[in-house]
Amino acid sequence: MYSIEVRERALALVAQGHSLNSVSKQTGISRWALRQWQRRIEPLPRLLGQAKPCPRCSPVPGVPDDPAAYAYLLGLYLGDGCISPQPRGGHQLRIACADAWPGLIESCRTAIARVRPEDRICVLQRQGCVMVTSYGRHWPCLFPQHGPGKKHERPIVLASWQQEIVDAHAWDFIRGLIHSDGCRNTNWTTRVIGGVRKRYEYPRYYFTNLSTDILGLFTGALDRVGVEWGQANTRNISVARRASVALMDAHVGPKY
């Protein structure tokens, strides 16, 4: 582990205008570490022997301590997440978040920290988006939907313990799905009023996914909380009725 003094000296070089690549070559410190220190210079506390075990790997398998945060993170994962093995062991959870939604990025980081506070989290910049990333050994335990290939090309079925969490925290699950693959926008149509055709605008929520299984999980959660929905086509679910939009506004809201 690098000392604070080493971190400060490395970041001072970056502040002087040196690129991360050149500082890495000069100091032998990886660019990944330099990027992390730009966000947080203090070492993360790691108390040996005190990290909580994965709840799914316990002798009696349990559920995450914060099931509401888990339901939200599950929605994000099913929409824009993936899990990949790492060369040195363990797995990497990645959630893609558009740069345009800084509030979503922070909500994603918070949810990961509440579900697995033991695992480190970083934000990796990509073109037009960031990948909120967490490294740990137990992400496949927590998301058994993990598997080879694209989600819409394989069955996506919740385990019984996941379904219980989604049933108990349906709004958190819905919010995660909307924040990943959905939006709140303004639709329009025309009506003839007093013999004159006028444009009429109304808000609606939209959810888009190629997986019929994930669409079914979304509509099942909507049914549970009393939201009326319609299927625009094979990949799009729309919520447009005024009372249902009001419910969505109260519990989900637009991205920010």
C-alpha atoms as a PDB file:
ATOM      1  CA  MET A   1       0.000   0.000   0.000  1.00  0.00           C
ATOM      2  CA  TYR A   2       1.353   3.430  -0.961  1.00  0.00           C
ATOM      3  CA  SER A   3       1.777   6.055   1.727  1.00  0.00           C
ATOM      4  CA  ILE A   4      -0.013   9.412   1.651  1.00  0.00           C
ATOM      5  CA  GLU A   5       3.314  11.113   0.879  1.00  0.00           C
ATOM      6  CA  VAL A   6       3.845   8.933  -2.217  1.00  0.00           C
ATOM      7  CA  ARG A   7       0.302   9.604  -3.368  1.00  0.00           C
ATOM      8  CA  GLU A   8       0.683  13.351  -2.895  1.00  0.00           C
ATOM      9  CA  ARG A   9       3.947  13.436  -4.858  1.00  0.00           C
ATOM     10  CA  ALA A  10       2.404  11.483  -7.729  1.00  0.00           C
ATOM     11  CA  LEU A  11      -0.668  13.710  -7.854  1.00  0.00           C
ATOM     12  CA  ALA A  12       1.559  16.799  -7.734  1.00  0.00           C
ATOM     13  CA  LEU A  13       3.169  15.630 -10.987  1.00  0.00           C
ATOM     14  CA  VAL A  14      -0.276  15.234 -12.525  1.00  0.00           C
ATOM     15  CA  ALA A  15      -1.221  18.731 -11.330  1.00  0.00           C
ATOM     16  CA  GLN A  16       1.899  20.099 -13.042  1.00  0.00           C
ATOM     17  CA  GLY A  17       0.537  18.925 -16.367  1.00  0.00           C
ATOM     18  CA  HIS A  18       2.154  15.511 -16.734  1.00  0.00           C
ATOM     19  CA  SER A  19      -0.091  12.841 -18.233  1.00  0.00           C
ATOM     20  CA  LEU A  20      -1.131   9.812 -16.225  1.00  0.00           C
ATOM     21  CA  ASN A  21       0.885   7.678 -18.604  1.00  0.00           C
ATOM     22  CA  SER A  22       4.101   9.666 -18.053  1.00  0.00           C
ATOM     23  CA  VAL A  23       3.621   9.764 -14.262  1.00  0.00           C
ATOM     24  CA  SER A  24       3.028   6.018 -14.277  1.00  0.00           C
ATOM     25  CA  LYS A  25       6.290   5.462 -16.180  1.00  0.00           C
ATOM     26  CA  GLN A  26       8.226   7.752 -13.826  1.00  0.00           C
ATOM     27  CA  THR A  27       6.915   6.308 -10.585  1.00  0.00           C
ATOM     28  CA  GLY A  28       5.935   2.747 -11.433  1.00  0.00           C
ATOM     29  CA  ILE A  29       2.417   3.441 -10.132  1.00  0.00           C
ATOM     30  CA  SER A  30      -0.407   2.197 -12.329  1.00  0.00           C
ATOM     31  CA  ARG A  31      -2.656   4.655 -14.131  1.00  0.00           C
ATOM     32  CA  TRP A  32      -5.637   2.957 -12.484  1.00  0.00           C
ATOM     33  CA  ALA A  33      -4.244   3.829  -9.021  1.00  0.00           C
ATOM     34  CA  LEU A  34      -3.550   7.409 -10.093  1.00  0.00           C
ATOM     35  CA  ARG A  35      -7.116   7.814 -11.312  1.00  0.00           C
ATOM     36  CA  GLN A  36      -8.442   6.460  -8.028  1.00  0.00           C
ATOM     37  CA  TRP A  37      -6.236   8.813  -6.001  1.00  0.00           C
ATOM     38  CA  GLN A  38      -7.615  11.745  -7.971  1.00  0.00           C
ATOM     39  CA  ARG A  39     -11.010  10.838  -6.553  1.00  0.00           C
ATOM     40  CA  ARG A  40      -9.886   9.748  -3.088  1.00  0.00           C
ATOM     41  CA  ILE A  41      -6.326  10.086  -1.861  1.00  0.00           C
ATOM     42  CA  GLU A  42      -6.826   8.380   1.502  1.00  0.00           C
ATOM     43  CA  PRO A  43      -6.391   4.593   1.573  1.00  0.00           C
ATOM     44  CA  LEU A  44      -9.614   2.669   2.024  1.00  0.00           C
ATOM     45  CA  PRO A  45      -9.733   1.007   5.441  1.00  0.00           C
ATOM     46  CA  ARG A  46      -9.224  -2.743   5.165  1.00  0.00           C
ATOM     47  CA  LEU A  47      -9.445  -4.528   8.492  1.00  0.00           C
ATOM     48  CA  LEU A  48      -8.140  -8.066   8.126  1.00  0.00           C
ATOM     49  CA  GLY A  49     -10.517 -10.730   9.313  1.00  0.00           C
ATOM     50  CA  GLN A  50     -13.357  -8.228   9.804  1.00  0.00           C
ATOM     51  CA  ALA A  51     -14.874  -8.190   6.334  1.00  0.00           C
ATOM     52  CA  LYS A  52     -18.394  -9.579   6.378  1.00  0.00           C
ATOM     53  CA  PRO A  53     -18.837 -12.803   4.406  1.00  0.00           C
ATOM     54  CA  CYS A  54     -21.073 -13.017   1.372  1.00  0.00           C
ATOM     55  CA  PRO A  55     -24.616 -13.695   2.646  1.00  0.00           C
ATOM     56  CA  ARG A  56     -25.162 -16.288  -0.072  1.00  0.00           C
ATOM     57  CA  CYS A  57     -22.028 -18.215   0.922  1.00  0.00           C
ATOM     58  CA  SER A  58     -22.901 -18.508   4.612  1.00  0.00           C
ATOM     59  CA  PRO A  59     -23.713 -21.959   6.046  1.00  0.00           C
ATOM     60  CA  VAL A  60     -27.321 -20.788   6.037  1.00  0.00           C
ATOM     61  CA  PRO A  61     -27.612 -18.606   2.901  1.00  0.00           C
ATOM     62  CA  GLY A  62     -29.170 -15.222   3.568  1.00  0.00           C
ATOM     63  CA  VAL A  63     -29.857 -11.978   1.739  1.00  0.00           C
ATOM     64  CA  PRO A  64     -27.960  -8.664   1.582  1.00  0.00           C
ATOM     65  CA  ASP A  65     -28.241  -6.472   4.673  1.00  0.00           C
ATOM     66  CA  ASP A  66     -29.865  -3.669   2.631  1.00  0.00           C
ATOM     67  CA  PRO A  67     -32.474  -5.408   0.462  1.00  0.00           C
ATOM     68  CA  ALA A  68     -33.875  -2.120  -0.894  1.00  0.00           C
ATOM     69  CA  ALA A  69     -30.438  -1.128  -2.202  1.00  0.00           C
ATOM     70  CA  TYR A  70     -30.051  -4.630  -3.626  1.00  0.00           C
ATOM     71  CA  ALA A  71     -33.405  -4.402  -5.459  1.00  0.00           C
ATOM     72  CA  TYR A  72     -32.320  -1.101  -7.028  1.00  0.00           C
ATOM     73  CA  LEU A  73     -28.903  -2.493  -7.977  1.00  0.00           C
ATOM     74  CA  LEU A  74     -30.544  -5.609  -9.436  1.00  0.00           C
ATOM     75  CA  GLY A  75     -32.594  -3.347 -11.715  1.00  0.00           C
ATOM     76  CA  LEU A  76     -29.464  -1.490 -12.807  1.00  0.00           C
ATOM     77  CA  TYR A  77     -27.619  -4.762 -13.424  1.00  0.00           C
ATOM     78  CA  LEU A  78     -30.415  -6.287 -15.510  1.00  0.00           C
ATOM     79  CA  GLY A  79     -30.588  -3.120 -17.587  1.00  0.00           C
ATOM     80  CA  ASP A  80     -27.014  -1.981 -18.137  1.00  0.00           C
ATOM     81  CA  GLY A  81     -24.770  -4.243 -16.076  1.00  0.00           C
ATOM     82  CA  CYS A  82     -22.413  -7.137 -16.607  1.00  0.00           C
ATOM     83  CA  ILE A  83     -20.089  -9.344 -14.556  1.00  0.00           C
ATOM     84  CA  SER A  84     -16.761 -10.589 -15.864  1.00  0.00           C
ATOM     85  CA  PRO A  85     -14.039 -12.777 -14.314  1.00  0.00           C
ATOM     86  CA  GLN A  86     -10.645 -11.235 -13.567  1.00  0.00           C
ATOM     87  CA  PRO A  87      -7.247 -12.752 -14.405  1.00  0.00           C
ATOM     88  CA  ARG A  88      -6.119 -12.741 -10.766  1.00  0.00           C
ATOM     89  CA  GLY A  89      -9.358 -14.180  -9.441  1.00  0.00           C
ATOM     90  CA  GLY A  90     -12.578 -12.572  -8.394  1.00  0.00           C
ATOM     91  CA  HIS A  91     -15.084 -10.789 -10.583  1.00  0.00           C
ATOM     92  CA  GLN A  92     -15.810  -7.310 -11.811  1.00  0.00           C
ATOM     93  CA  LEU A  93     -19.308  -5.835 -11.700  1.00  0.00           C
ATOM     94  CA  ARG A  94     -19.772  -3.014 -14.206  1.00  0.00           C
ATOM     95  CA  ILE A  95     -22.798  -0.742 -14.560  1.00  0.00           C
ATOM     96  CA  ALA A  96     -22.850   1.624 -17.543  1.00  0.00           C
ATOM     97  CA  CYS A  97     -24.149   5.112 -16.695  1.00  0.00           C
ATOM     98  CA  ALA A  98     -24.402   7.976 -19.182  1.00  0.00           C
ATOM     99  CA  ASP A  99     -22.349  11.087 -18.432  1.00  0.00           C
ATOM    100  CA  ALA A 100     -25.558  13.113 -18.699  1.00  0.00           C
ATOM    101  CA  TRP A 101     -26.885  11.670 -15.428  1.00  0.00           C
ATOM    102  CA  PRO A 102     -24.435  12.429 -12.578  1.00  0.00           C
ATOM    103  CA  GLY A 103     -27.149  11.711 -10.005  1.00  0.00           C
ATOM    104  CA  LEU A 104     -27.566   8.225 -11.441  1.00  0.00           C
ATOM    105  CA  ILE A 105     -23.820   7.622 -11.229  1.00  0.00           C
ATOM    106  CA  GLU A 106     -23.812   8.557  -7.554  1.00  0.00           C
ATOM    107  CA  SER A 107     -26.943   6.490  -6.830  1.00  0.00           C
ATOM    108  CA  CYS A 108     -25.268   3.496  -8.458  1.00  0.00           C
ATOM    109  CA  ARG A 109     -22.123   3.917  -6.379  1.00  0.00           C
ATOM    110  CA  THR A 110     -24.193   4.254  -3.213  1.00  0.00           C
ATOM    111  CA  ALA A 111     -26.186   1.095  -3.963  1.00  0.00           C
ATOM    112  CA  ILE A 112     -23.035  -0.943  -4.591  1.00  0.00           C
ATOM    113  CA  ALA A 113     -21.481   0.335  -1.363  1.00  0.00           C
ATOM    114  CA  ARG A 114     -24.571  -0.662   0.613  1.00  0.00           C
ATOM    115  CA  VAL A 115     -24.747  -4.127  -0.911  1.00  0.00           C
ATOM    116  CA  ARG A 116     -21.009  -4.926  -0.740  1.00  0.00           C
ATOM    117  CA  PRO A 117     -19.214  -2.353   1.454  1.00  0.00           C
ATOM    118  CA  GLU A 118     -16.220  -4.712   1.550  1.00  0.00           C
ATOM    119  CA  ASP A 119     -15.499  -4.390  -2.204  1.00  0.00           C
ATOM    120  CA  ARG A 120     -13.745  -1.425  -3.743  1.00  0.00           C
ATOM    121  CA  ILE A 121     -15.603   0.802  -6.205  1.00  0.00           C
ATOM    122  CA  CYS A 122     -14.224   2.976  -8.968  1.00  0.00           C
ATOM    123  CA  VAL A 123     -15.621   5.009 -11.858  1.00  0.00           C
ATOM    124  CA  LEU A 124     -13.949   4.424 -15.224  1.00  0.00           C
ATOM    125  CA  GLN A 125     -14.504   7.014 -17.939  1.00  0.00           C
ATOM    126  CA  ARG A 126     -15.533   5.786 -21.354  1.00  0.00           C
ATOM    127  CA  GLN A 127     -16.709   7.689 -24.417  1.00  0.00           C
ATOM    128  CA  GLY A 128     -20.092   9.162 -23.543  1.00  0.00           C
ATOM    129  CA  CYS A 129     -20.481   7.185 -20.339  1.00  0.00           C
ATOM    130  CA  VAL A 130     -18.790   5.926 -17.207  1.00  0.00           C
ATOM    131  CA  MET A 131     -18.538   2.383 -15.947  1.00  0.00           C
ATOM    132  CA  VAL A 132     -19.264   2.225 -12.223  1.00  0.00           C
ATOM    133  CA  THR A 133     -17.109  -0.751 -11.353  1.00  0.00           C
ATOM    134  CA  SER A 134     -16.675  -2.937  -8.295  1.00  0.00           C
ATOM    135  CA  TYR A 135     -14.159  -5.745  -7.812  1.00  0.00           C
ATOM    136  CA  GLY A 136     -14.943  -8.709  -5.578  1.00  0.00           C
ATOM    137  CA  ARG A 137     -15.298 -12.463  -5.411  1.00  0.00           C
ATOM    138  CA  HIS A 138     -18.998 -12.730  -4.735  1.00  0.00           C
ATOM    139  CA  TRP A 139     -20.851 -10.792  -7.436  1.00  0.00           C
ATOM    140  CA  PRO A 140     -21.890 -14.024  -9.223  1.00  0.00           C
ATOM    141  CA  CYS A 141     -23.346 -15.246  -5.913  1.00  0.00           C
ATOM    142  CA  LEU A 142     -25.447 -12.096  -5.629  1.00  0.00           C
ATOM    143  CA  PHE A 143     -26.437 -12.014  -9.298  1.00  0.00           C
ATOM    144  CA  PRO A 144     -26.916 -15.639 -10.407  1.00  0.00           C
ATOM    145  CA  GLN A 145     -28.268 -14.296 -13.733  1.00  0.00           C
ATOM    146  CA  HIS A 146     -24.605 -13.885 -14.685  1.00  0.00           C
ATOM    147  CA  GLY A 147     -23.581 -16.068 -17.602  1.00  0.00           C
ATOM    148  CA  PRO A 148     -21.921 -16.121 -21.010  1.00  0.00           C
ATOM    149  CA  GLY A 149     -23.449 -14.176 -23.853  1.00  0.00           C
ATOM    150  CA  LYS A 150     -25.953 -11.343 -23.950  1.00  0.00           C
ATOM    151  CA  LYS A 151     -28.842 -11.277 -21.497  1.00  0.00           C
ATOM    152  CA  HIS A 152     -31.506 -11.290 -24.209  1.00  0.00           C
ATOM    153  CA  GLU A 153     -29.986 -14.449 -25.656  1.00  0.00           C
ATOM    154  CA  ARG A 154     -30.330 -16.526 -22.485  1.00  0.00           C
ATOM    155  CA  PRO A 155     -33.065 -17.087 -19.886  1.00  0.00           C
ATOM    156  CA  ILE A 156     -33.243 -14.492 -17.110  1.00  0.00           C
ATOM    157  CA  VAL A 157     -35.085 -15.905 -14.098  1.00  0.00           C
ATOM    158  CA  LEU A 158     -34.903 -14.621 -10.537  1.00  0.00           C
ATOM    159  CA  ALA A 159     -33.947 -16.998  -7.750  1.00  0.00           C
ATOM    160  CA  SER A 160     -36.609 -17.407  -5.071  1.00  0.00           C
ATOM    161  CA  TRP A 161     -34.689 -15.228  -2.598  1.00  0.00           C
ATOM    162  CA  GLN A 162     -34.342 -12.495  -5.242  1.00  0.00           C
ATOM    163  CA  GLN A 163     -38.046 -12.632  -6.045  1.00  0.00           C
ATOM    164  CA  GLU A 164     -38.871 -12.177  -2.368  1.00  0.00           C
ATOM    165  CA  ILE A 165     -36.717  -9.049  -2.278  1.00  0.00           C
ATOM    166  CA  VAL A 166     -38.296  -7.686  -5.475  1.00  0.00           C
ATOM    167  CA  ASP A 167     -41.785  -8.351  -4.130  1.00  0.00           C
ATOM    168  CA  ALA A 168     -40.967  -6.512  -0.898  1.00  0.00           C
ATOM    169  CA  HIS A 169     -39.118  -3.632  -2.623  1.00  0.00           C
ATOM    170  CA  ALA A 170     -40.841  -3.428  -5.984  1.00  0.00           C
ATOM    171  CA  TRP A 171     -40.445   0.336  -6.332  1.00  0.00           C
ATOM    172  CA  ASP A 172     -36.683   0.149  -5.799  1.00  0.00           C
ATOM    173  CA  PHE A 173     -36.482  -2.559  -8.461  1.00  0.00           C
ATOM    174  CA  ILE A 174     -38.621  -0.532 -10.879  1.00  0.00           C
ATOM    175  CA  ARG A 175     -36.505   2.565 -10.253  1.00  0.00           C
ATOM    176  CA  GLY A 176     -33.321   0.622 -11.044  1.00  0.00           C
ATOM    177  CA  LEU A 177     -34.772  -0.668 -14.312  1.00  0.00           C
ATOM    178  CA  ILE A 178     -36.016   2.788 -15.358  1.00  0.00           C
ATOM    179  CA  HIS A 179     -32.695   4.401 -14.427  1.00  0.00           C
ATOM    180  CA  SER A 180     -30.857   1.874 -16.595  1.00  0.00           C
ATOM    181  CA  ASP A 181     -33.035   1.184 -19.636  1.00  0.00           C
ATOM    182  CA  GLY A 182     -35.917   3.600 -19.202  1.00  0.00           C
ATOM    183  CA  CYS A 183     -36.826   7.263 -19.252  1.00  0.00           C
ATOM    184  CA  ARG A 184     -39.547   9.790 -18.536  1.00  0.00           C
ATOM    185  CA  ASN A 185     -40.421  11.833 -21.602  1.00  0.00           C
ATOM    186  CA  THR A 186     -43.205  13.861 -23.169  1.00  0.00           C
ATOM    187  CA  ASN A 187     -45.354  12.226 -25.809  1.00  0.00           C
ATOM    188  CA  TRP A 188     -47.890  13.962 -28.017  1.00  0.00           C
ATOM    189  CA  THR A 189     -50.967  13.294 -30.075  1.00  0.00           C
ATOM    190  CA  THR A 190     -53.628  15.391 -31.767  1.00  0.00           C
ATOM    191  CA  ARG A 191     -57.285  15.856 -30.905  1.00  0.00           C
ATOM    192  CA  VAL A 192     -60.138  17.679 -32.612  1.00  0.00           C
ATOM    193  CA  ILE A 193     -61.539  20.237 -30.182  1.00  0.00           C
ATOM    194  CA  GLY A 194     -64.339  22.521 -31.385  1.00  0.00           C
ATOM    195  CA  GLY A 195     -63.684  21.481 -34.941  1.00  0.00           C
ATOM    196  CA  VAL A 196     -60.002  22.389 -34.695  1.00  0.00           C
ATOM    197  CA  ARG A 197     -57.257  19.773 -34.519  1.00  0.00           C
ATOM    198  CA  LYS A 198     -54.913  20.613 -31.665  1.00  0.00           C
ATOM    199  CA  ARG A 199     -51.690  19.105 -30.391  1.00  0.00           C
ATOM    200  CA  TYR A 200     -51.951  17.452 -26.974  1.00  0.00           C
ATOM    201  CA  GLU A 201     -48.869  16.594 -24.923  1.00  0.00           C
ATOM    202  CA  TYR A 202     -48.640  14.257 -21.948  1.00  0.00           C
ATOM    203  CA  PRO A 203     -45.833  12.703 -19.860  1.00  0.00           C
ATOM    204  CA  ARG A 204     -45.086   9.011 -19.943  1.00  0.00           C
ATOM    205  CA  TYR A 205     -42.489   6.501 -18.799  1.00  0.00           C
ATOM    206  CA  TYR A 206     -40.784   4.203 -21.268  1.00  0.00           C
ATOM    207  CA  PHE A 207     -38.785   1.047 -20.679  1.00  0.00           C
ATOM    208  CA  THR A 208     -36.871  -0.672 -23.456  1.00  0.00           C
ATOM    209  CA  ASN A 209     -35.142  -4.041 -23.353  1.00  0.00           C
ATOM    210  CA  LEU A 210     -34.472  -6.829 -25.831  1.00  0.00           C
ATOM    211  CA  SER A 211     -35.031  -9.558 -23.243  1.00  0.00           C
ATOM    212  CA  THR A 212     -38.631 -10.730 -22.983  1.00  0.00           C
ATOM    213  CA  ASP A 213     -37.761 -12.150 -19.545  1.00  0.00           C
ATOM    214  CA  ILE A 214     -36.567  -8.770 -18.253  1.00  0.00           C
ATOM    215  CA  LEU A 215     -39.630  -7.073 -19.750  1.00  0.00           C
ATOM    216  CA  GLY A 216     -41.731  -9.598 -17.858  1.00  0.00           C
ATOM    217  CA  LEU A 217     -39.935  -8.867 -14.584  1.00  0.00           C
ATOM    218  CA  PHE A 218     -40.581  -5.154 -15.122  1.00  0.00           C
ATOM    219  CA  THR A 219     -44.281  -5.532 -15.901  1.00  0.00           C
ATOM    220  CA  GLY A 220     -44.695  -7.998 -13.033  1.00  0.00           C
ATOM    221  CA  ALA A 221     -43.323  -5.396 -10.630  1.00  0.00           C
ATOM    222  CA  LEU A 222     -45.613  -2.738 -12.144  1.00  0.00           C
ATOM    223  CA  ASP A 223     -48.605  -5.015 -11.601  1.00  0.00           C
ATOM    224  CA  ARG A 224     -47.581  -5.501  -7.982  1.00  0.00           C
ATOM    225  CA  VAL A 225     -47.646  -1.749  -7.238  1.00  0.00           C
ATOM    226  CA  GLY A 226     -50.790  -1.032  -9.256  1.00  0.00           C
ATOM    227  CA  VAL A 227     -49.290   0.721 -12.282  1.00  0.00           C
ATOM    228  CA  GLU A 228     -51.156   0.309 -15.570  1.00  0.00           C
ATOM    229  CA  TRP A 229     -48.916  -0.268 -18.559  1.00  0.00           C
ATOM    230  CA  GLY A 230     -49.060  -1.021 -22.259  1.00  0.00           C
ATOM    231  CA  GLN A 231     -46.694  -2.767 -24.642  1.00  0.00           C
ATOM    232  CA  ALA A 232     -45.852  -0.566 -27.611  1.00  0.00           C
ATOM    233  CA  ASN A 233     -43.945  -3.349 -29.381  1.00  0.00           C
ATOM    234  CA  THR A 234     -41.820  -6.401 -28.588  1.00  0.00           C
ATOM    235  CA  ARG A 235     -39.157  -4.367 -26.792  1.00  0.00           C
ATOM    236  CA  ASN A 236     -40.957  -1.340 -25.310  1.00  0.00           C
ATOM    237  CA  ILE A 237     -43.237  -0.941 -22.280  1.00  0.00           C
ATOM    238  CA  SER A 238     -45.095   2.349 -21.858  1.00  0.00           C
ATOM    239  CA  VAL A 239     -46.770   3.873 -18.787  1.00  0.00           C
ATOM    240  CA  ALA A 240     -48.980   6.745 -19.935  1.00  0.00           C
ATOM    241  CA  ARG A 241     -52.199   6.798 -17.905  1.00  0.00           C
ATOM    242  CA  ARG A 242     -52.308   9.877 -15.708  1.00  0.00           C
ATOM    243  CA  ALA A 243     -52.753   8.086 -12.375  1.00  0.00           C
ATOM    244  CA  SER A 244     -49.983   5.618 -13.157  1.00  0.00           C
ATOM    245  CA  VAL A 245     -47.599   8.363 -14.286  1.00  0.00           C
ATOM    246  CA  ALA A 246     -48.319  10.153 -11.003  1.00  0.00           C
ATOM    247  CA  LEU A 247     -47.404   6.971  -9.106  1.00  0.00           C
ATOM    248  CA  MET A 248     -44.189   6.652 -11.086  1.00  0.00           C
ATOM    249  CA  ASP A 249     -43.376  10.310 -10.455  1.00  0.00           C
ATOM    250  CA  ALA A 250     -43.852   9.805  -6.721  1.00  0.00           C
ATOM    251  CA  HIS A 251     -41.657   6.687  -6.483  1.00  0.00           C
ATOM    252  CA  VAL A 252     -39.259   6.835  -9.451  1.00  0.00           C
ATOM    253  CA  GLY A 253     -38.980  10.243 -11.105  1.00  0.00           C
ATOM    254  CA  PRO A 254     -36.774  11.208 -14.037  1.00  0.00           C
ATOM    255  CA  LYS A 255     -33.037  10.591 -14.133  1.00  0.00           C
ATOM    256  CA  TYR A 256     -30.820  13.462 -13.066  1.00  0.00           C
END
